[in-house]
N, C-alpha and C. Protein backbone atom coordinates (compact mmCIF):
# COMPACT_ATOMS: atom_id res chain seq x y z
N UNK A 1 152.70 136.23 -61.67
CA UNK A 1 151.83 135.26 -60.99
C UNK A 1 150.96 134.54 -62.01
N UNK A 2 150.70 133.26 -61.75
CA UNK A 2 149.87 132.47 -62.66
C UNK A 2 148.42 132.94 -62.55
N UNK A 3 147.87 133.51 -63.64
CA UNK A 3 146.51 134.03 -63.60
C UNK A 3 145.47 132.94 -63.53
N UNK A 4 145.84 131.71 -63.79
CA UNK A 4 144.90 130.60 -63.72
C UNK A 4 144.65 130.13 -62.30
N UNK A 5 145.47 130.56 -61.36
CA UNK A 5 145.31 130.15 -59.98
C UNK A 5 144.10 130.84 -59.37
N UNK A 6 143.34 130.09 -58.58
CA UNK A 6 142.20 130.65 -57.87
C UNK A 6 142.61 130.97 -56.44
N UNK A 7 142.03 131.99 -55.83
CA UNK A 7 142.38 132.30 -54.45
C UNK A 7 141.99 131.15 -53.53
N UNK A 8 142.87 130.75 -52.60
CA UNK A 8 142.56 129.63 -51.71
C UNK A 8 141.44 130.00 -50.75
N UNK A 9 140.61 129.03 -50.39
CA UNK A 9 139.47 129.33 -49.49
C UNK A 9 139.90 129.80 -48.11
N UNK A 10 141.13 129.42 -47.68
CA UNK A 10 141.58 129.81 -46.34
C UNK A 10 142.16 131.21 -46.29
N UNK A 11 142.31 131.86 -47.45
CA UNK A 11 142.91 133.18 -47.47
C UNK A 11 144.43 133.12 -47.49
N UNK A 12 145.04 134.23 -47.21
CA UNK A 12 146.51 134.36 -47.29
C UNK A 12 147.15 133.88 -45.98
N UNK A 13 147.13 132.58 -45.78
CA UNK A 13 147.73 132.02 -44.57
C UNK A 13 149.23 131.84 -44.76
N UNK A 14 149.95 131.86 -43.65
CA UNK A 14 151.41 131.74 -43.67
C UNK A 14 151.83 130.61 -42.75
N UNK A 15 152.41 129.56 -43.32
CA UNK A 15 152.82 128.38 -42.55
C UNK A 15 154.33 128.33 -42.31
N UNK A 16 155.01 129.45 -42.56
CA UNK A 16 156.47 129.43 -42.47
C UNK A 16 156.97 129.08 -41.08
N UNK A 17 156.26 129.53 -40.05
CA UNK A 17 156.68 129.24 -38.68
C UNK A 17 156.69 127.75 -38.39
N UNK A 18 155.62 127.06 -38.81
CA UNK A 18 155.55 125.60 -38.60
C UNK A 18 156.62 124.88 -39.38
N UNK A 19 156.83 125.30 -40.62
CA UNK A 19 157.84 124.65 -41.47
C UNK A 19 159.22 124.81 -40.85
N UNK A 20 159.57 126.04 -40.50
CA UNK A 20 160.89 126.30 -39.94
C UNK A 20 161.08 125.61 -38.59
N UNK A 21 160.03 125.60 -37.78
CA UNK A 21 160.11 124.93 -36.48
C UNK A 21 160.35 123.44 -36.62
N UNK A 22 159.64 122.81 -37.55
CA UNK A 22 159.81 121.37 -37.77
C UNK A 22 161.21 121.06 -38.29
N UNK A 23 161.67 121.84 -39.27
CA UNK A 23 162.99 121.60 -39.86
C UNK A 23 164.10 121.77 -38.82
N UNK A 24 164.05 122.85 -38.06
CA UNK A 24 165.08 123.11 -37.06
C UNK A 24 165.01 122.10 -35.91
N UNK A 25 163.78 121.72 -35.54
CA UNK A 25 163.63 120.74 -34.45
C UNK A 25 164.26 119.40 -34.79
N UNK A 26 163.97 118.90 -35.99
CA UNK A 26 164.55 117.62 -36.41
C UNK A 26 166.05 117.73 -36.61
N UNK A 27 166.52 118.89 -37.09
CA UNK A 27 167.96 119.07 -37.28
C UNK A 27 168.69 119.07 -35.95
N UNK A 28 168.13 119.74 -34.95
CA UNK A 28 168.76 119.76 -33.63
C UNK A 28 168.84 118.35 -33.05
N UNK A 29 167.74 117.58 -33.17
CA UNK A 29 167.76 116.20 -32.67
C UNK A 29 168.81 115.36 -33.41
N UNK A 30 168.89 115.55 -34.72
CA UNK A 30 169.88 114.80 -35.51
C UNK A 30 171.30 115.15 -35.07
N UNK A 31 171.55 116.44 -34.85
CA UNK A 31 172.89 116.87 -34.40
C UNK A 31 173.24 116.25 -33.05
N UNK A 32 172.27 116.20 -32.15
CA UNK A 32 172.51 115.64 -30.82
C UNK A 32 172.86 114.16 -30.92
N UNK A 33 172.05 113.40 -31.68
CA UNK A 33 172.27 111.96 -31.78
C UNK A 33 173.58 111.63 -32.48
N UNK A 34 173.88 112.36 -33.56
CA UNK A 34 175.13 112.08 -34.28
C UNK A 34 176.34 112.48 -33.43
N UNK A 35 176.23 113.59 -32.70
CA UNK A 35 177.32 114.00 -31.81
C UNK A 35 177.58 112.96 -30.72
N UNK A 36 176.50 112.46 -30.12
CA UNK A 36 176.65 111.42 -29.10
C UNK A 36 177.27 110.15 -29.69
N UNK A 37 176.86 109.82 -30.89
CA UNK A 37 177.42 108.64 -31.55
C UNK A 37 178.91 108.82 -31.80
N UNK A 38 179.30 109.98 -32.33
CA UNK A 38 180.72 110.22 -32.60
C UNK A 38 181.54 110.25 -31.31
N UNK A 39 180.96 110.84 -30.26
CA UNK A 39 181.67 110.87 -28.98
C UNK A 39 181.93 109.45 -28.48
N UNK A 40 180.91 108.60 -28.59
CA UNK A 40 181.07 107.22 -28.16
C UNK A 40 182.12 106.49 -28.98
N UNK A 41 182.04 106.68 -30.31
CA UNK A 41 182.95 105.96 -31.20
C UNK A 41 184.39 106.46 -31.09
N UNK A 42 184.57 107.78 -30.94
CA UNK A 42 185.92 108.35 -30.96
C UNK A 42 186.60 108.33 -29.59
N UNK A 43 185.84 108.56 -28.52
CA UNK A 43 186.46 108.74 -27.21
C UNK A 43 186.24 107.57 -26.25
N UNK A 44 185.18 106.80 -26.44
CA UNK A 44 184.94 105.66 -25.57
C UNK A 44 185.41 104.35 -26.21
N UNK A 45 184.89 104.07 -27.39
CA UNK A 45 185.30 102.84 -28.10
C UNK A 45 186.61 103.05 -28.84
N UNK A 46 186.84 104.29 -29.29
CA UNK A 46 188.04 104.67 -30.04
C UNK A 46 188.20 103.84 -31.31
N UNK A 47 187.09 103.74 -32.04
CA UNK A 47 187.12 102.97 -33.29
C UNK A 47 186.00 103.44 -34.21
N UNK A 48 186.21 104.59 -34.85
CA UNK A 48 185.23 105.10 -35.80
C UNK A 48 185.39 104.37 -37.14
N UNK A 49 184.26 104.04 -37.76
CA UNK A 49 184.27 103.31 -39.03
C UNK A 49 183.57 104.14 -40.11
N UNK A 50 183.50 103.51 -41.32
CA UNK A 50 182.89 104.21 -42.45
C UNK A 50 181.43 104.54 -42.20
N UNK A 51 180.71 103.69 -41.45
CA UNK A 51 179.31 103.99 -41.18
C UNK A 51 179.17 105.25 -40.33
N UNK A 52 180.17 105.55 -39.50
CA UNK A 52 180.13 106.77 -38.69
C UNK A 52 180.37 108.01 -39.55
N UNK A 53 181.36 107.93 -40.45
CA UNK A 53 181.69 109.09 -41.28
C UNK A 53 180.61 109.36 -42.32
N UNK A 54 179.97 108.31 -42.82
CA UNK A 54 178.90 108.53 -43.80
C UNK A 54 177.67 109.16 -43.15
N UNK A 55 177.40 108.82 -41.87
CA UNK A 55 176.25 109.46 -41.21
C UNK A 55 176.55 110.93 -40.93
N UNK A 56 177.83 111.26 -40.75
CA UNK A 56 178.22 112.67 -40.62
C UNK A 56 177.95 113.41 -41.93
N UNK A 57 178.28 112.77 -43.05
CA UNK A 57 177.98 113.36 -44.36
C UNK A 57 176.47 113.59 -44.53
N UNK A 58 175.68 112.62 -44.07
CA UNK A 58 174.22 112.76 -44.15
C UNK A 58 173.75 113.94 -43.31
N UNK A 59 174.34 114.10 -42.13
CA UNK A 59 173.98 115.23 -41.28
C UNK A 59 174.34 116.56 -41.95
N UNK A 60 175.51 116.60 -42.57
CA UNK A 60 175.92 117.82 -43.29
C UNK A 60 174.94 118.12 -44.42
N UNK A 61 174.47 117.06 -45.11
CA UNK A 61 173.47 117.25 -46.15
C UNK A 61 172.18 117.83 -45.59
N UNK A 62 171.78 117.37 -44.41
CA UNK A 62 170.57 117.90 -43.77
C UNK A 62 170.75 119.37 -43.39
N UNK A 63 171.94 119.71 -42.93
CA UNK A 63 172.22 121.11 -42.57
C UNK A 63 172.10 121.99 -43.81
N UNK A 64 172.64 121.51 -44.94
CA UNK A 64 172.51 122.26 -46.20
C UNK A 64 171.04 122.42 -46.57
N UNK A 65 170.28 121.34 -46.41
CA UNK A 65 168.85 121.39 -46.74
C UNK A 65 168.10 122.41 -45.91
N UNK A 66 168.35 122.43 -44.60
CA UNK A 66 167.69 123.41 -43.74
C UNK A 66 168.16 124.82 -44.09
N UNK A 67 169.45 124.95 -44.45
CA UNK A 67 169.95 126.25 -44.87
C UNK A 67 169.21 126.78 -46.10
N UNK A 68 168.87 125.88 -47.01
CA UNK A 68 168.13 126.28 -48.21
C UNK A 68 166.68 126.66 -47.89
N UNK A 69 166.17 126.16 -46.75
CA UNK A 69 164.80 126.51 -46.37
C UNK A 69 164.65 128.01 -46.10
N UNK A 70 165.70 128.65 -45.62
CA UNK A 70 165.59 130.07 -45.27
C UNK A 70 165.33 130.96 -46.50
N UNK A 71 166.13 130.83 -47.58
CA UNK A 71 165.76 131.62 -48.77
C UNK A 71 164.44 131.19 -49.38
N UNK A 72 164.09 129.91 -49.26
CA UNK A 72 162.80 129.46 -49.78
C UNK A 72 161.66 130.14 -49.03
N UNK A 73 161.80 130.23 -47.71
CA UNK A 73 160.78 130.92 -46.91
C UNK A 73 160.73 132.40 -47.27
N UNK A 74 161.90 132.97 -47.50
CA UNK A 74 161.95 134.39 -47.89
C UNK A 74 161.17 134.64 -49.18
N UNK A 75 161.18 133.66 -50.07
CA UNK A 75 160.50 133.82 -51.36
C UNK A 75 159.12 133.17 -51.39
N UNK A 76 158.59 132.83 -50.22
CA UNK A 76 157.18 132.44 -50.20
C UNK A 76 156.87 131.03 -49.76
N UNK A 77 157.88 130.23 -49.39
CA UNK A 77 157.60 128.87 -48.92
C UNK A 77 156.70 128.94 -47.69
N UNK A 78 155.58 128.25 -47.74
CA UNK A 78 154.61 128.28 -46.64
C UNK A 78 153.40 129.15 -46.94
N UNK A 79 153.41 129.81 -48.10
CA UNK A 79 152.27 130.61 -48.51
C UNK A 79 151.73 130.08 -49.84
N UNK A 80 150.49 130.36 -50.13
CA UNK A 80 149.91 129.91 -51.39
C UNK A 80 150.49 130.72 -52.55
N UNK A 81 150.71 130.04 -53.67
CA UNK A 81 151.32 130.69 -54.84
C UNK A 81 150.47 131.85 -55.36
N UNK A 82 149.20 131.82 -55.09
CA UNK A 82 148.30 132.87 -55.55
C UNK A 82 148.76 134.25 -55.08
N UNK A 83 149.39 134.29 -53.90
CA UNK A 83 149.77 135.56 -53.29
C UNK A 83 151.23 135.93 -53.57
N UNK A 84 151.91 135.17 -54.41
CA UNK A 84 153.30 135.45 -54.71
C UNK A 84 153.42 136.08 -56.10
N UNK A 85 154.41 136.96 -56.25
CA UNK A 85 154.65 137.53 -57.57
C UNK A 85 155.57 136.62 -58.38
N UNK A 86 155.76 136.95 -59.65
CA UNK A 86 156.55 136.10 -60.55
C UNK A 86 157.99 135.92 -60.05
N UNK A 87 158.58 136.99 -59.54
CA UNK A 87 159.96 136.90 -59.05
C UNK A 87 160.06 135.95 -57.86
N UNK A 88 159.12 136.03 -56.94
CA UNK A 88 159.14 135.13 -55.78
C UNK A 88 159.00 133.67 -56.21
N UNK A 89 158.08 133.41 -57.12
CA UNK A 89 157.88 132.04 -57.59
C UNK A 89 159.14 131.52 -58.27
N UNK A 90 159.76 132.35 -59.09
CA UNK A 90 160.95 131.92 -59.82
C UNK A 90 162.10 131.63 -58.85
N UNK A 91 162.32 132.50 -57.89
CA UNK A 91 163.41 132.30 -56.94
C UNK A 91 163.15 131.08 -56.05
N UNK A 92 161.89 130.89 -55.66
CA UNK A 92 161.56 129.71 -54.86
C UNK A 92 161.85 128.44 -55.65
N UNK A 93 161.46 128.40 -56.91
CA UNK A 93 161.70 127.22 -57.74
C UNK A 93 163.19 126.94 -57.90
N UNK A 94 163.99 128.01 -57.96
CA UNK A 94 165.44 127.83 -58.10
C UNK A 94 166.02 127.16 -56.88
N UNK A 95 165.61 127.62 -55.69
CA UNK A 95 166.16 127.03 -54.46
C UNK A 95 165.62 125.63 -54.21
N UNK A 96 164.36 125.39 -54.54
CA UNK A 96 163.80 124.05 -54.34
C UNK A 96 164.42 123.06 -55.32
N UNK A 97 164.80 123.55 -56.49
CA UNK A 97 165.52 122.72 -57.48
C UNK A 97 166.83 122.22 -56.86
N UNK A 98 167.56 123.12 -56.21
CA UNK A 98 168.81 122.73 -55.56
C UNK A 98 168.59 121.83 -54.36
N UNK A 99 167.51 122.10 -53.61
CA UNK A 99 167.27 121.29 -52.41
C UNK A 99 166.93 119.85 -52.75
N UNK A 100 166.27 119.62 -53.88
CA UNK A 100 165.98 118.24 -54.26
C UNK A 100 167.26 117.47 -54.58
N UNK A 101 168.24 118.13 -55.14
CA UNK A 101 169.53 117.47 -55.38
C UNK A 101 170.14 117.06 -54.05
N UNK A 102 170.09 117.98 -53.08
CA UNK A 102 170.56 117.67 -51.72
C UNK A 102 169.78 116.52 -51.12
N UNK A 103 168.47 116.49 -51.34
CA UNK A 103 167.62 115.44 -50.77
C UNK A 103 168.01 114.07 -51.32
N UNK A 104 168.22 113.98 -52.63
CA UNK A 104 168.64 112.71 -53.22
C UNK A 104 169.93 112.22 -52.55
N UNK A 105 170.91 113.11 -52.40
CA UNK A 105 172.20 112.74 -51.81
C UNK A 105 172.04 112.34 -50.35
N UNK A 106 171.30 113.13 -49.57
CA UNK A 106 171.19 112.88 -48.13
C UNK A 106 170.47 111.57 -47.85
N UNK A 107 169.38 111.32 -48.56
CA UNK A 107 168.67 110.05 -48.36
C UNK A 107 169.55 108.86 -48.73
N UNK A 108 170.27 108.99 -49.85
CA UNK A 108 171.15 107.90 -50.29
C UNK A 108 172.23 107.62 -49.26
N UNK A 109 172.94 108.66 -48.81
CA UNK A 109 174.07 108.45 -47.92
C UNK A 109 173.62 107.98 -46.54
N UNK A 110 172.42 108.38 -46.12
CA UNK A 110 171.87 107.89 -44.85
C UNK A 110 171.66 106.39 -44.90
N UNK A 111 171.05 105.92 -45.97
CA UNK A 111 170.77 104.48 -46.10
C UNK A 111 172.05 103.68 -46.31
N UNK A 112 173.01 104.27 -47.04
CA UNK A 112 174.31 103.60 -47.20
C UNK A 112 174.99 103.45 -45.85
N UNK A 113 174.89 104.47 -45.00
CA UNK A 113 175.48 104.40 -43.67
C UNK A 113 174.86 103.27 -42.85
N UNK A 114 173.55 103.13 -42.95
CA UNK A 114 172.87 102.03 -42.23
C UNK A 114 173.35 100.68 -42.74
N UNK A 115 173.50 100.57 -44.06
CA UNK A 115 174.00 99.32 -44.65
C UNK A 115 175.40 99.00 -44.15
N UNK A 116 176.27 100.00 -44.10
CA UNK A 116 177.63 99.79 -43.61
C UNK A 116 177.64 99.37 -42.15
N UNK A 117 176.73 99.94 -41.36
CA UNK A 117 176.60 99.53 -39.96
C UNK A 117 176.18 98.07 -39.87
N UNK A 118 175.21 97.67 -40.68
CA UNK A 118 174.74 96.28 -40.67
C UNK A 118 175.86 95.33 -41.09
N UNK A 119 176.65 95.73 -42.07
CA UNK A 119 177.77 94.89 -42.50
C UNK A 119 178.80 94.73 -41.39
N UNK A 120 178.95 95.77 -40.58
CA UNK A 120 179.94 95.71 -39.51
C UNK A 120 179.50 94.83 -38.35
N UNK A 121 178.21 94.84 -38.04
CA UNK A 121 177.75 94.10 -36.86
C UNK A 121 177.24 92.70 -37.19
N UNK A 122 177.06 92.41 -38.48
CA UNK A 122 176.47 91.13 -38.86
C UNK A 122 177.48 89.99 -38.75
N UNK A 123 177.12 88.94 -37.97
CA UNK A 123 177.97 87.74 -37.93
C UNK A 123 177.63 86.75 -39.03
N UNK A 124 176.55 87.03 -39.76
CA UNK A 124 176.06 86.11 -40.78
C UNK A 124 176.59 86.53 -42.15
N UNK A 125 177.51 85.77 -42.70
CA UNK A 125 178.12 86.08 -43.98
C UNK A 125 177.13 85.98 -45.14
N UNK A 126 176.05 85.22 -44.94
CA UNK A 126 175.11 85.01 -46.04
C UNK A 126 174.31 86.26 -46.39
N UNK A 127 174.18 87.19 -45.46
CA UNK A 127 173.40 88.40 -45.77
C UNK A 127 174.29 89.57 -46.19
N UNK A 128 175.62 89.33 -46.24
CA UNK A 128 176.51 90.41 -46.65
C UNK A 128 176.28 90.79 -48.11
N UNK A 129 176.15 89.78 -48.98
CA UNK A 129 175.95 90.05 -50.41
C UNK A 129 174.66 90.85 -50.66
N UNK A 130 173.51 90.46 -50.04
CA UNK A 130 172.31 91.28 -50.25
C UNK A 130 172.47 92.73 -49.79
N UNK A 131 173.16 92.93 -48.67
CA UNK A 131 173.37 94.30 -48.19
C UNK A 131 174.29 95.06 -49.14
N UNK A 132 175.34 94.41 -49.61
CA UNK A 132 176.24 95.05 -50.58
C UNK A 132 175.49 95.38 -51.87
N UNK A 133 174.61 94.47 -52.28
CA UNK A 133 173.79 94.72 -53.47
C UNK A 133 172.87 95.91 -53.27
N UNK A 134 172.32 96.04 -52.05
CA UNK A 134 171.45 97.17 -51.76
C UNK A 134 172.22 98.49 -51.81
N UNK A 135 173.46 98.48 -51.30
CA UNK A 135 174.30 99.68 -51.36
C UNK A 135 174.52 100.09 -52.82
N UNK A 136 174.88 99.12 -53.65
CA UNK A 136 175.11 99.42 -55.07
C UNK A 136 173.85 99.96 -55.73
N UNK A 137 172.71 99.35 -55.41
CA UNK A 137 171.44 99.80 -56.00
C UNK A 137 171.09 101.21 -55.55
N UNK A 138 171.27 101.52 -54.27
CA UNK A 138 170.95 102.85 -53.75
C UNK A 138 171.82 103.92 -54.40
N UNK A 139 173.11 103.63 -54.52
CA UNK A 139 174.02 104.61 -55.10
C UNK A 139 173.67 104.83 -56.58
N UNK A 140 173.51 103.74 -57.32
CA UNK A 140 173.25 103.85 -58.76
C UNK A 140 171.91 104.53 -59.03
N UNK A 141 170.86 104.11 -58.34
CA UNK A 141 169.52 104.66 -58.59
C UNK A 141 169.46 106.14 -58.26
N UNK A 142 170.09 106.54 -57.16
CA UNK A 142 170.04 107.95 -56.77
C UNK A 142 170.91 108.82 -57.69
N UNK A 143 172.01 108.27 -58.19
CA UNK A 143 172.81 109.03 -59.16
C UNK A 143 172.00 109.25 -60.44
N UNK A 144 171.34 108.19 -60.91
CA UNK A 144 170.53 108.31 -62.13
C UNK A 144 169.40 109.31 -61.93
N UNK A 145 168.67 109.20 -60.80
CA UNK A 145 167.56 110.11 -60.55
C UNK A 145 168.04 111.55 -60.39
N UNK A 146 169.19 111.73 -59.76
CA UNK A 146 169.75 113.08 -59.60
C UNK A 146 170.07 113.69 -60.96
N UNK A 147 170.68 112.89 -61.84
CA UNK A 147 171.01 113.39 -63.17
C UNK A 147 169.75 113.72 -63.97
N UNK A 148 168.75 112.85 -63.85
CA UNK A 148 167.48 113.11 -64.55
C UNK A 148 166.85 114.40 -64.03
N UNK A 149 166.90 114.59 -62.70
CA UNK A 149 166.34 115.80 -62.11
C UNK A 149 167.11 117.04 -62.59
N UNK A 150 168.43 116.96 -62.56
CA UNK A 150 169.25 118.10 -62.97
C UNK A 150 169.00 118.47 -64.43
N UNK A 151 168.83 117.44 -65.27
CA UNK A 151 168.68 117.66 -66.72
C UNK A 151 167.22 117.67 -67.16
N UNK A 152 166.32 117.97 -66.24
CA UNK A 152 164.90 118.01 -66.61
C UNK A 152 164.62 119.10 -67.64
N UNK A 153 165.50 120.10 -67.70
CA UNK A 153 165.41 121.15 -68.72
C UNK A 153 166.77 121.37 -69.36
N UNK A 154 166.77 121.60 -70.64
CA UNK A 154 167.99 121.98 -71.37
C UNK A 154 167.73 123.31 -72.06
N UNK A 155 168.42 124.39 -71.66
CA UNK A 155 169.39 124.49 -70.57
C UNK A 155 168.74 124.32 -69.19
N UNK A 156 169.57 124.02 -68.18
CA UNK A 156 169.03 123.62 -66.88
C UNK A 156 168.26 124.74 -66.19
N UNK A 157 168.61 126.01 -66.45
CA UNK A 157 167.91 127.08 -65.75
C UNK A 157 166.48 127.25 -66.23
N UNK A 158 166.10 126.49 -67.26
CA UNK A 158 164.71 126.47 -67.68
C UNK A 158 163.80 125.86 -66.63
N UNK A 159 164.38 125.14 -65.66
CA UNK A 159 163.58 124.52 -64.61
C UNK A 159 162.96 125.55 -63.68
N UNK A 160 163.53 126.76 -63.64
CA UNK A 160 162.97 127.79 -62.76
C UNK A 160 162.80 129.15 -63.45
N UNK A 161 163.51 129.39 -64.51
CA UNK A 161 163.47 130.69 -65.18
C UNK A 161 162.31 130.72 -66.19
N UNK A 162 161.33 131.58 -65.91
CA UNK A 162 160.14 131.63 -66.77
C UNK A 162 160.50 132.02 -68.20
N UNK A 163 161.42 132.96 -68.37
CA UNK A 163 161.82 133.39 -69.71
C UNK A 163 162.52 132.26 -70.47
N UNK A 164 163.35 131.52 -69.75
CA UNK A 164 164.07 130.39 -70.37
C UNK A 164 163.11 129.28 -70.79
N UNK A 165 162.03 129.11 -70.03
CA UNK A 165 161.09 128.03 -70.31
C UNK A 165 160.45 128.15 -71.68
N UNK A 166 160.42 129.37 -72.22
CA UNK A 166 159.80 129.57 -73.53
C UNK A 166 160.61 128.92 -74.65
N UNK A 167 161.93 128.80 -74.44
CA UNK A 167 162.79 128.21 -75.48
C UNK A 167 163.44 126.90 -75.04
N UNK A 168 163.44 126.63 -73.73
CA UNK A 168 164.10 125.42 -73.22
C UNK A 168 163.25 124.18 -73.51
N UNK A 169 163.94 123.04 -73.60
CA UNK A 169 163.27 121.75 -73.74
C UNK A 169 163.18 121.13 -72.35
N UNK A 170 161.95 121.01 -71.84
CA UNK A 170 161.75 120.58 -70.46
C UNK A 170 160.79 119.39 -70.38
N UNK A 171 160.92 118.64 -69.26
CA UNK A 171 159.94 117.61 -68.96
C UNK A 171 158.60 118.27 -68.70
N UNK A 172 157.55 117.50 -68.90
CA UNK A 172 156.23 117.96 -68.47
C UNK A 172 156.15 117.87 -66.95
N UNK A 173 155.15 118.53 -66.37
CA UNK A 173 154.97 118.48 -64.92
C UNK A 173 154.76 117.04 -64.46
N UNK A 174 154.05 116.25 -65.24
CA UNK A 174 153.82 114.85 -64.88
C UNK A 174 155.11 114.05 -64.87
N UNK A 175 155.99 114.30 -65.83
CA UNK A 175 157.28 113.59 -65.86
C UNK A 175 158.16 113.97 -64.67
N UNK A 176 158.15 115.26 -64.30
CA UNK A 176 158.91 115.69 -63.13
C UNK A 176 158.37 115.00 -61.88
N UNK A 177 157.06 114.92 -61.76
CA UNK A 177 156.46 114.25 -60.60
C UNK A 177 156.83 112.78 -60.56
N UNK A 178 156.93 112.15 -61.73
CA UNK A 178 157.28 110.73 -61.75
C UNK A 178 158.71 110.51 -61.26
N UNK A 179 159.60 111.47 -61.52
CA UNK A 179 160.97 111.36 -61.00
C UNK A 179 160.94 111.35 -59.47
N UNK A 180 160.17 112.26 -58.88
CA UNK A 180 160.09 112.34 -57.42
C UNK A 180 159.37 111.13 -56.83
N UNK A 181 158.34 110.65 -57.52
CA UNK A 181 157.63 109.46 -57.04
C UNK A 181 158.54 108.23 -57.09
N UNK A 182 159.36 108.13 -58.14
CA UNK A 182 160.31 107.02 -58.25
C UNK A 182 161.28 107.03 -57.08
N UNK A 183 161.78 108.22 -56.74
CA UNK A 183 162.69 108.33 -55.60
C UNK A 183 161.98 107.93 -54.31
N UNK A 184 160.72 108.34 -54.16
CA UNK A 184 159.97 108.01 -52.95
C UNK A 184 159.75 106.50 -52.83
N UNK A 185 159.43 105.85 -53.94
CA UNK A 185 159.21 104.40 -53.93
C UNK A 185 160.50 103.67 -53.53
N UNK A 186 161.63 104.07 -54.13
CA UNK A 186 162.92 103.47 -53.78
C UNK A 186 163.22 103.67 -52.31
N UNK A 187 162.95 104.87 -51.81
CA UNK A 187 163.23 105.20 -50.42
C UNK A 187 162.38 104.36 -49.47
N UNK A 188 161.09 104.23 -49.77
CA UNK A 188 160.19 103.48 -48.89
C UNK A 188 160.55 101.99 -48.87
N UNK A 189 160.77 101.41 -50.06
CA UNK A 189 161.11 99.98 -50.13
C UNK A 189 162.42 99.69 -49.40
N UNK A 190 163.43 100.55 -49.63
CA UNK A 190 164.72 100.34 -48.96
C UNK A 190 164.58 100.51 -47.45
N UNK A 191 163.69 101.39 -47.00
CA UNK A 191 163.45 101.54 -45.55
C UNK A 191 162.95 100.23 -44.95
N UNK A 192 161.99 99.60 -45.61
CA UNK A 192 161.44 98.34 -45.10
C UNK A 192 162.52 97.25 -45.09
N UNK A 193 163.32 97.21 -46.15
CA UNK A 193 164.39 96.21 -46.22
C UNK A 193 165.40 96.42 -45.10
N UNK A 194 165.81 97.67 -44.89
CA UNK A 194 166.79 97.97 -43.86
C UNK A 194 166.24 97.72 -42.46
N UNK A 195 164.94 97.91 -42.28
CA UNK A 195 164.33 97.62 -40.98
C UNK A 195 164.27 96.12 -40.72
N UNK A 196 164.23 95.33 -41.79
CA UNK A 196 164.15 93.88 -41.62
C UNK A 196 165.48 93.20 -41.38
N UNK A 197 166.56 93.76 -41.92
CA UNK A 197 167.89 93.13 -41.77
C UNK A 197 168.31 92.95 -40.31
N UNK A 198 168.15 93.95 -39.43
CA UNK A 198 168.57 93.74 -38.04
C UNK A 198 167.82 92.59 -37.36
N UNK A 199 166.55 92.41 -37.73
CA UNK A 199 165.78 91.31 -37.15
C UNK A 199 166.37 89.97 -37.58
N UNK A 200 166.78 89.87 -38.84
CA UNK A 200 167.41 88.64 -39.33
C UNK A 200 168.72 88.38 -38.59
N UNK A 201 169.49 89.43 -38.39
CA UNK A 201 170.78 89.29 -37.69
C UNK A 201 170.57 88.82 -36.26
N UNK A 202 169.61 89.43 -35.55
CA UNK A 202 169.36 89.08 -34.16
C UNK A 202 168.76 87.69 -34.04
N UNK A 203 167.91 87.33 -35.00
CA UNK A 203 167.25 86.02 -34.96
C UNK A 203 168.27 84.88 -34.96
N UNK A 204 169.38 85.07 -35.68
CA UNK A 204 170.40 84.03 -35.76
C UNK A 204 171.49 84.16 -34.70
N UNK A 205 171.35 85.18 -33.86
CA UNK A 205 172.36 85.36 -32.81
C UNK A 205 172.16 84.34 -31.69
N UNK A 206 173.26 83.95 -31.03
CA UNK A 206 173.20 82.96 -29.95
C UNK A 206 172.96 83.66 -28.60
N UNK A 207 171.74 84.09 -28.41
CA UNK A 207 171.34 84.72 -27.16
C UNK A 207 170.04 84.10 -26.69
N UNK A 208 169.63 84.42 -25.47
CA UNK A 208 168.41 83.85 -24.90
C UNK A 208 167.20 84.24 -25.75
N UNK A 209 166.22 83.33 -25.83
CA UNK A 209 165.05 83.54 -26.67
C UNK A 209 164.30 84.80 -26.30
N UNK A 210 164.14 85.06 -25.01
CA UNK A 210 163.42 86.25 -24.56
C UNK A 210 164.16 87.53 -24.99
N UNK A 211 165.49 87.47 -24.96
CA UNK A 211 166.27 88.61 -25.42
C UNK A 211 166.10 88.83 -26.92
N UNK A 212 166.02 87.72 -27.67
CA UNK A 212 165.79 87.83 -29.10
C UNK A 212 164.47 88.53 -29.40
N UNK A 213 163.41 88.11 -28.68
CA UNK A 213 162.09 88.70 -28.89
C UNK A 213 162.11 90.19 -28.58
N UNK A 214 162.77 90.55 -27.47
CA UNK A 214 162.84 91.95 -27.06
C UNK A 214 163.60 92.78 -28.09
N UNK A 215 164.77 92.29 -28.54
CA UNK A 215 165.58 93.02 -29.49
C UNK A 215 164.91 93.11 -30.86
N UNK A 216 164.27 91.99 -31.28
CA UNK A 216 163.56 92.00 -32.56
C UNK A 216 162.41 93.01 -32.54
N UNK A 217 161.70 93.07 -31.39
CA UNK A 217 160.61 94.03 -31.26
C UNK A 217 161.13 95.46 -31.31
N UNK A 218 162.29 95.67 -30.66
CA UNK A 218 162.90 97.00 -30.66
C UNK A 218 163.34 97.40 -32.06
N UNK A 219 164.02 96.48 -32.75
CA UNK A 219 164.46 96.77 -34.11
C UNK A 219 163.29 96.93 -35.07
N UNK A 220 162.20 96.19 -34.78
CA UNK A 220 161.04 96.25 -35.65
C UNK A 220 160.33 97.59 -35.63
N UNK A 221 160.62 98.41 -34.59
CA UNK A 221 160.04 99.74 -34.53
C UNK A 221 160.43 100.57 -35.75
N UNK A 222 161.59 100.23 -36.32
CA UNK A 222 162.05 100.93 -37.52
C UNK A 222 161.08 100.83 -38.69
N UNK A 223 160.24 99.80 -38.69
CA UNK A 223 159.26 99.65 -39.76
C UNK A 223 158.24 100.79 -39.76
N UNK A 224 158.03 101.38 -38.58
CA UNK A 224 157.10 102.51 -38.51
C UNK A 224 157.58 103.69 -39.31
């Protein structure tokens, strides 16, 4: 245990129940929505496309992420580090290291799926290139960030192994945080862009003005 840590003012609280409840709750909702989507595409419309299969990959990534939460909780996720021993901290860091790789992939493939959906429904050829450019940027940026994350220590197990850290060449804590902040910035900006594309598509559609306002307002909820 890190001797520099001070005991938290709240004492030895355990938040594992809230963490697990939130993770499982969102996963169940995701499974329901994706299942309904696949049922519609495969059995009603009978025309599944790449945007459908990529969202399935994103769901599988989420399932892996929630699966990793269980060993993380076992090793102290939801408790203050002050109350964990060195073995618990090391094992938690190992699993969280893997979960961030999953997070990079899942966020990327989710947004790529949305882009593919927009390309499929868009009647406006002029916005195809920007969407294709966004797909390329998302894939490239997340691959680069994933590699940087994986190689934050040489050898890589220095990222979680305390003994290895003494001889491994690793990023500073600030550099590691900047990798995660960079991913967050890319994710937030791409979210706003993806929320705006449907509004552009609907604005140019040949439908009644009141319907445009209603649909644009509905699509604009994605900005939240």
